[in-house]
Amino acid sequence: MGWLQLESETDTSKTYVLYFEAPDSPAGGTPQAFTLKESYPSTDTRSVFVHDSAGTQQLH
């Protein structure tokens, strides 16, 4: 299981951290891709960043 958690929010940006919870038993196969959509008012012009195992990515 994985989830995004808001880490910080300022007037110019929102930063989320991507967390994964290890399964009780190892799972085989290929990890599944996922899409997350969250709506913000059109007047919200802040940048969105995500921290994960690959580093920090700016999404907006």
PDB file of N, CA and C in Angstrom:
ATOM      1  N   MET A   1       0.846  -1.165   0.000  1.00  0.00           N
ATOM      2  CA  MET A   1       0.000   0.000   0.000  1.00  0.00           C
ATOM      3  C   MET A   1       0.897   1.236   0.000  1.00  0.00           C
ATOM      4  N   GLY A   2       0.459   2.266  -0.697  1.00  0.00           N
ATOM      5  CA  GLY A   2       1.197   3.511  -0.736  1.00  0.00           C
ATOM      6  C   GLY A   2       0.256   4.692  -0.662  1.00  0.00           C
ATOM      7  N   TRP A   3       0.783   5.834  -0.237  1.00  0.00           N
ATOM      8  CA  TRP A   3      -0.043   7.028  -0.159  1.00  0.00           C
ATOM      9  C   TRP A   3       0.827   8.276  -0.210  1.00  0.00           C
ATOM     10  N   LEU A   4       0.215   9.374  -0.633  1.00  0.00           N
ATOM     11  CA  LEU A   4       0.859  10.680  -0.611  1.00  0.00           C
ATOM     12  C   LEU A   4       0.390  11.415   0.628  1.00  0.00           C
ATOM     13  N   GLN A   5       1.336  12.018   1.323  1.00  0.00           N
ATOM     14  CA  GLN A   5       1.000  12.774   2.526  1.00  0.00           C
ATOM     15  C   GLN A   5       1.574  14.177   2.387  1.00  0.00           C
ATOM     16  N   LEU A   6       0.748  15.180   2.650  1.00  0.00           N
ATOM     17  CA  LEU A   6       1.186  16.560   2.580  1.00  0.00           C
ATOM     18  C   LEU A   6       2.256  16.797   3.644  1.00  0.00           C
ATOM     19  N   GLU A   7       3.438  17.231   3.211  1.00  0.00           N
ATOM     20  CA  GLU A   7       4.549  17.473   4.131  1.00  0.00           C
ATOM     21  C   GLU A   7       4.614  18.944   4.543  1.00  0.00           C
ATOM     22  N   SER A   8       4.435  19.832   3.563  1.00  0.00           N
ATOM     23  CA  SER A   8       4.466  21.259   3.882  1.00  0.00           C
ATOM     24  C   SER A   8       3.668  22.030   2.845  1.00  0.00           C
ATOM     25  N   GLU A   9       3.218  23.194   3.251  1.00  0.00           N
ATOM     26  CA  GLU A   9       2.428  24.047   2.375  1.00  0.00           C
ATOM     27  C   GLU A   9       2.815  25.493   2.662  1.00  0.00           C
ATOM     28  N   THR A  10       3.152  26.225   1.608  1.00  0.00           N
ATOM     29  CA  THR A  10       3.498  27.633   1.738  1.00  0.00           C
ATOM     30  C   THR A  10       2.664  28.438   0.751  1.00  0.00           C
ATOM     31  N   ASP A  11       2.925  29.721   0.689  1.00  0.00           N
ATOM     32  CA  ASP A  11       2.214  30.569  -0.269  1.00  0.00           C
ATOM     33  C   ASP A  11       2.582  30.238  -1.709  1.00  0.00           C
ATOM     34  N   THR A  12       3.741  29.586  -1.927  1.00  0.00           N
ATOM     35  CA  THR A  12       4.210  29.323  -3.285  1.00  0.00           C
ATOM     36  C   THR A  12       4.272  27.846  -3.659  1.00  0.00           C
ATOM     37  N   SER A  13       4.168  26.930  -2.683  1.00  0.00           N
ATOM     38  CA  SER A  13       4.287  25.511  -3.039  1.00  0.00           C
ATOM     39  C   SER A  13       3.598  24.603  -2.025  1.00  0.00           C
ATOM     40  N   LYS A  14       3.316  23.394  -2.478  1.00  0.00           N
ATOM     41  CA  LYS A  14       2.848  22.295  -1.631  1.00  0.00           C
ATOM     42  C   LYS A  14       3.813  21.143  -1.863  1.00  0.00           C
ATOM     43  N   THR A  15       4.266  20.498  -0.800  1.00  0.00           N
ATOM     44  CA  THR A  15       5.201  19.379  -0.923  1.00  0.00           C
ATOM     45  C   THR A  15       4.587  18.146  -0.271  1.00  0.00           C
ATOM     46  N   TYR A  16       4.562  17.057  -1.039  1.00  0.00           N
ATOM     47  CA  TYR A  16       4.036  15.781  -0.565  1.00  0.00           C
ATOM     48  C   TYR A  16       5.168  14.768  -0.486  1.00  0.00           C
ATOM     49  N   VAL A  17       5.012  13.766   0.380  1.00  0.00           N
ATOM     50  CA  VAL A  17       5.950  12.648   0.461  1.00  0.00           C
ATOM     51  C   VAL A  17       5.179  11.387   0.077  1.00  0.00           C
ATOM     52  N   LEU A  18       5.782  10.574  -0.794  1.00  0.00           N
ATOM     53  CA  LEU A  18       5.183   9.312  -1.204  1.00  0.00           C
ATOM     54  C   LEU A  18       5.688   8.226  -0.263  1.00  0.00           C
ATOM     55  N   TYR A  19       4.774   7.611   0.488  1.00  0.00           N
ATOM     56  CA  TYR A  19       5.114   6.556   1.447  1.00  0.00           C
ATOM     57  C   TYR A  19       4.613   5.215   0.926  1.00  0.00           C
ATOM     58  N   PHE A  20       5.373   4.161   1.220  1.00  0.00           N
ATOM     59  CA  PHE A  20       4.960   2.797   0.914  1.00  0.00           C
ATOM     60  C   PHE A  20       5.045   1.970   2.177  1.00  0.00           C
ATOM     61  N   GLU A  21       4.046   1.142   2.406  1.00  0.00           N
ATOM     62  CA  GLU A  21       4.042   0.216   3.526  1.00  0.00           C
ATOM     63  C   GLU A  21       4.415  -1.157   2.978  1.00  0.00           C
ATOM     64  N   ALA A  22       5.437  -1.760   3.550  1.00  0.00           N
ATOM     65  CA  ALA A  22       5.884  -3.073   3.068  1.00  0.00           C
ATOM     66  C   ALA A  22       4.792  -4.116   3.270  1.00  0.00           C
ATOM     67  N   PRO A  23       4.593  -5.009   2.296  1.00  0.00           N
ATOM     68  CA  PRO A  23       3.571  -6.051   2.448  1.00  0.00           C
ATOM     69  C   PRO A  23       3.993  -7.083   3.488  1.00  0.00           C
ATOM     70  N   ASP A  24       3.007  -7.784   4.049  1.00  0.00           N
ATOM     71  CA  ASP A  24       3.289  -8.837   5.031  1.00  0.00           C
ATOM     72  C   ASP A  24       4.094  -9.970   4.402  1.00  0.00           C
ATOM     73  N   SER A  25       3.829 -10.247   3.140  1.00  0.00           N
ATOM     74  CA  SER A  25       4.589 -11.265   2.428  1.00  0.00           C
ATOM     75  C   SER A  25       4.990 -10.687   1.069  1.00  0.00           C
ATOM     76  N   PRO A  26       6.168 -11.045   0.576  1.00  0.00           N
ATOM     77  CA  PRO A  26       6.633 -10.498  -0.704  1.00  0.00           C
ATOM     78  C   PRO A  26       5.654 -10.804  -1.839  1.00  0.00           C
ATOM     79  N   ALA A  27       5.460  -9.833  -2.678  1.00  0.00           N
ATOM     80  CA  ALA A  27       4.579 -10.006  -3.833  1.00  0.00           C
ATOM     81  C   ALA A  27       5.430 -10.079  -5.091  1.00  0.00           C
ATOM     82  N   GLY A  28       5.049 -10.933  -5.996  1.00  0.00           N
ATOM     83  CA  GLY A  28       5.770 -11.053  -7.251  1.00  0.00           C
ATOM     84  C   GLY A  28       5.137 -10.178  -8.314  1.00  0.00           C
ATOM     85  N   GLY A  29       5.752 -10.167  -9.462  1.00  0.00           N
ATOM     86  CA  GLY A  29       5.178  -9.438 -10.582  1.00  0.00           C
ATOM     87  C   GLY A  29       5.727  -8.035 -10.707  1.00  0.00           C
ATOM     88  N   THR A  30       5.114  -7.311 -11.605  1.00  0.00           N
ATOM     89  CA  THR A  30       5.526  -5.951 -11.910  1.00  0.00           C
ATOM     90  C   THR A  30       4.692  -4.966 -11.104  1.00  0.00           C
ATOM     91  N   PRO A  31       5.316  -3.956 -10.495  1.00  0.00           N
ATOM     92  CA  PRO A  31       4.523  -2.949  -9.763  1.00  0.00           C
ATOM     93  C   PRO A  31       3.538  -2.254 -10.695  1.00  0.00           C
ATOM     94  N   GLN A  32       2.382  -1.943 -10.176  1.00  0.00           N
ATOM     95  CA  GLN A  32       1.360  -1.288 -10.968  1.00  0.00           C
ATOM     96  C   GLN A  32       1.520   0.227 -10.907  1.00  0.00           C
ATOM     97  N   ALA A  33       1.363   0.865 -12.049  1.00  0.00           N
ATOM     98  CA  ALA A  33       1.365   2.327 -12.096  1.00  0.00           C
ATOM     99  C   ALA A  33       0.041   2.833 -11.537  1.00  0.00           C
ATOM    100  N   PHE A  34       0.030   4.052 -11.049  1.00  0.00           N
ATOM    101  CA  PHE A  34      -1.209   4.622 -10.558  1.00  0.00           C
ATOM    102  C   PHE A  34      -1.264   6.102 -10.912  1.00  0.00           C
ATOM    103  N   THR A  35      -2.450   6.639 -10.892  1.00  0.00           N
ATOM    104  CA  THR A  35      -2.676   8.057 -11.151  1.00  0.00           C
ATOM    105  C   THR A  35      -3.434   8.631  -9.972  1.00  0.00           C
ATOM    106  N   LEU A  36      -3.014   9.797  -9.542  1.00  0.00           N
ATOM    107  CA  LEU A  36      -3.690  10.490  -8.451  1.00  0.00           C
ATOM    108  C   LEU A  36      -4.133  11.844  -8.966  1.00  0.00           C
ATOM    109  N   LYS A  37      -5.377  12.168  -8.747  1.00  0.00           N
ATOM    110  CA  LYS A  37      -5.887  13.475  -9.151  1.00  0.00           C
ATOM    111  C   LYS A  37      -6.443  14.171  -7.919  1.00  0.00           C
ATOM    112  N   GLU A  38      -6.075  15.425  -7.768  1.00  0.00           N
ATOM    113  CA  GLU A  38      -6.606  16.239  -6.690  1.00  0.00           C
ATOM    114  C   GLU A  38      -6.937  17.595  -7.278  1.00  0.00           C
ATOM    115  N   SER A  39      -8.091  18.108  -6.951  1.00  0.00           N
ATOM    116  CA  SER A  39      -8.527  19.383  -7.515  1.00  0.00           C
ATOM    117  C   SER A  39      -8.145  20.540  -6.608  1.00  0.00           C
ATOM    118  N   TYR A  40      -7.692  21.604  -7.226  1.00  0.00           N
ATOM    119  CA  TYR A  40      -7.381  22.846  -6.530  1.00  0.00           C
ATOM    120  C   TYR A  40      -8.101  23.968  -7.253  1.00  0.00           C
ATOM    121  N   PRO A  41      -8.440  25.027  -6.549  1.00  0.00           N
ATOM    122  CA  PRO A  41      -9.082  26.164  -7.216  1.00  0.00           C
ATOM    123  C   PRO A  41      -8.188  26.714  -8.328  1.00  0.00           C
ATOM    124  N   SER A  42      -8.785  27.216  -9.391  1.00  0.00           N
ATOM    125  CA  SER A  42      -7.997  27.745 -10.505  1.00  0.00           C
ATOM    126  C   SER A  42      -7.138  28.930 -10.083  1.00  0.00           C
ATOM    127  N   THR A  43      -7.469  29.562  -8.973  1.00  0.00           N
ATOM    128  CA  THR A  43      -6.679  30.691  -8.478  1.00  0.00           C
ATOM    129  C   THR A  43      -5.448  30.232  -7.702  1.00  0.00           C
ATOM    130  N   ASP A  44      -5.341  28.914  -7.412  1.00  0.00           N
ATOM    131  CA  ASP A  44      -4.186  28.372  -6.679  1.00  0.00           C
ATOM    132  C   ASP A  44      -3.069  28.110  -7.672  1.00  0.00           C
ATOM    133  N   THR A  45      -2.064  28.953  -7.691  1.00  0.00           N
ATOM    134  CA  THR A  45      -0.974  28.846  -8.662  1.00  0.00           C
ATOM    135  C   THR A  45       0.298  28.280  -8.055  1.00  0.00           C
ATOM    136  N   ARG A  46       0.206  27.661  -6.871  1.00  0.00           N
ATOM    137  CA  ARG A  46       1.390  27.116  -6.217  1.00  0.00           C
ATOM    138  C   ARG A  46       1.960  25.920  -6.968  1.00  0.00           C
ATOM    139  N   SER A  47       3.255  25.693  -6.792  1.00  0.00           N
ATOM    140  CA  SER A  47       3.909  24.508  -7.350  1.00  0.00           C
ATOM    141  C   SER A  47       3.601  23.309  -6.468  1.00  0.00           C
ATOM    142  N   VAL A  48       3.621  22.104  -7.063  1.00  0.00           N
ATOM    143  CA  VAL A  48       3.422  20.863  -6.325  1.00  0.00           C
ATOM    144  C   VAL A  48       4.660  20.004  -6.515  1.00  0.00           C
ATOM    145  N   PHE A  49       5.258  19.542  -5.406  1.00  0.00           N
ATOM    146  CA  PHE A  49       6.444  18.699  -5.413  1.00  0.00           C
ATOM    147  C   PHE A  49       6.114  17.384  -4.729  1.00  0.00           C
ATOM    148  N   VAL A  50       6.734  16.285  -5.206  1.00  0.00           N
ATOM    149  CA  VAL A  50       6.598  14.978  -4.568  1.00  0.00           C
ATOM    150  C   VAL A  50       7.999  14.429  -4.312  1.00  0.00           C
ATOM    151  N   HIS A  51       8.237  13.989  -3.058  1.00  0.00           N
ATOM    152  CA  HIS A  51       9.476  13.298  -2.694  1.00  0.00           C
ATOM    153  C   HIS A  51       9.197  11.806  -2.749  1.00  0.00           C
ATOM    154  N   ASP A  52      10.033  11.047  -3.469  1.00  0.00           N
ATOM    155  CA  ASP A  52       9.923   9.599  -3.477  1.00  0.00           C
ATOM    156  C   ASP A  52      11.319   8.995  -3.608  1.00  0.00           C
ATOM    157  N   SER A  53      11.396   7.698  -3.864  1.00  0.00           N
ATOM    158  CA  SER A  53      12.698   7.023  -3.903  1.00  0.00           C
ATOM    159  C   SER A  53      13.588   7.532  -5.032  1.00  0.00           C
ATOM    160  N   ALA A  54      12.999   8.181  -6.027  1.00  0.00           N
ATOM    161  CA  ALA A  54      13.780   8.718  -7.151  1.00  0.00           C
ATOM    162  C   ALA A  54      14.221  10.158  -6.906  1.00  0.00           C
ATOM    163  N   GLY A  55      13.830  10.736  -5.785  1.00  0.00           N
ATOM    164  CA  GLY A  55      14.190  12.115  -5.479  1.00  0.00           C
ATOM    165  C   GLY A  55      12.963  13.005  -5.400  1.00  0.00           C
ATOM    166  N   THR A  56      13.111  14.251  -5.801  1.00  0.00           N
ATOM    167  CA  THR A  56      12.025  15.220  -5.745  1.00  0.00           C
ATOM    168  C   THR A  56      11.624  15.619  -7.157  1.00  0.00           C
ATOM    169  N   GLN A  57      10.328  15.524  -7.452  1.00  0.00           N
ATOM    170  CA  GLN A  57       9.824  15.908  -8.752  1.00  0.00           C
ATOM    171  C   GLN A  57       8.821  17.034  -8.599  1.00  0.00           C
ATOM    172  N   GLN A  58       8.904  18.021  -9.481  1.00  0.00           N
ATOM    173  CA  GLN A  58       7.910  19.072  -9.512  1.00  0.00           C
ATOM    174  C   GLN A  58       6.819  18.643 -10.489  1.00  0.00           C
ATOM    175  N   LEU A  59       5.592  18.544 -10.021  1.00  0.00           N
ATOM    176  CA  LEU A  59       4.484  18.086 -10.842  1.00  0.00           C
ATOM    177  C   LEU A  59       3.685  19.233 -11.436  1.00  0.00           C
ATOM    178  N   HIS A  60       3.727  20.375 -10.805  1.00  0.00           N
ATOM    179  CA  HIS A  60       2.967  21.532 -11.298  1.00  0.00           C
ATOM    180  C   HIS A  60       3.741  22.784 -10.974  1.00  0.00           C
TER     181      HIS A  60
END
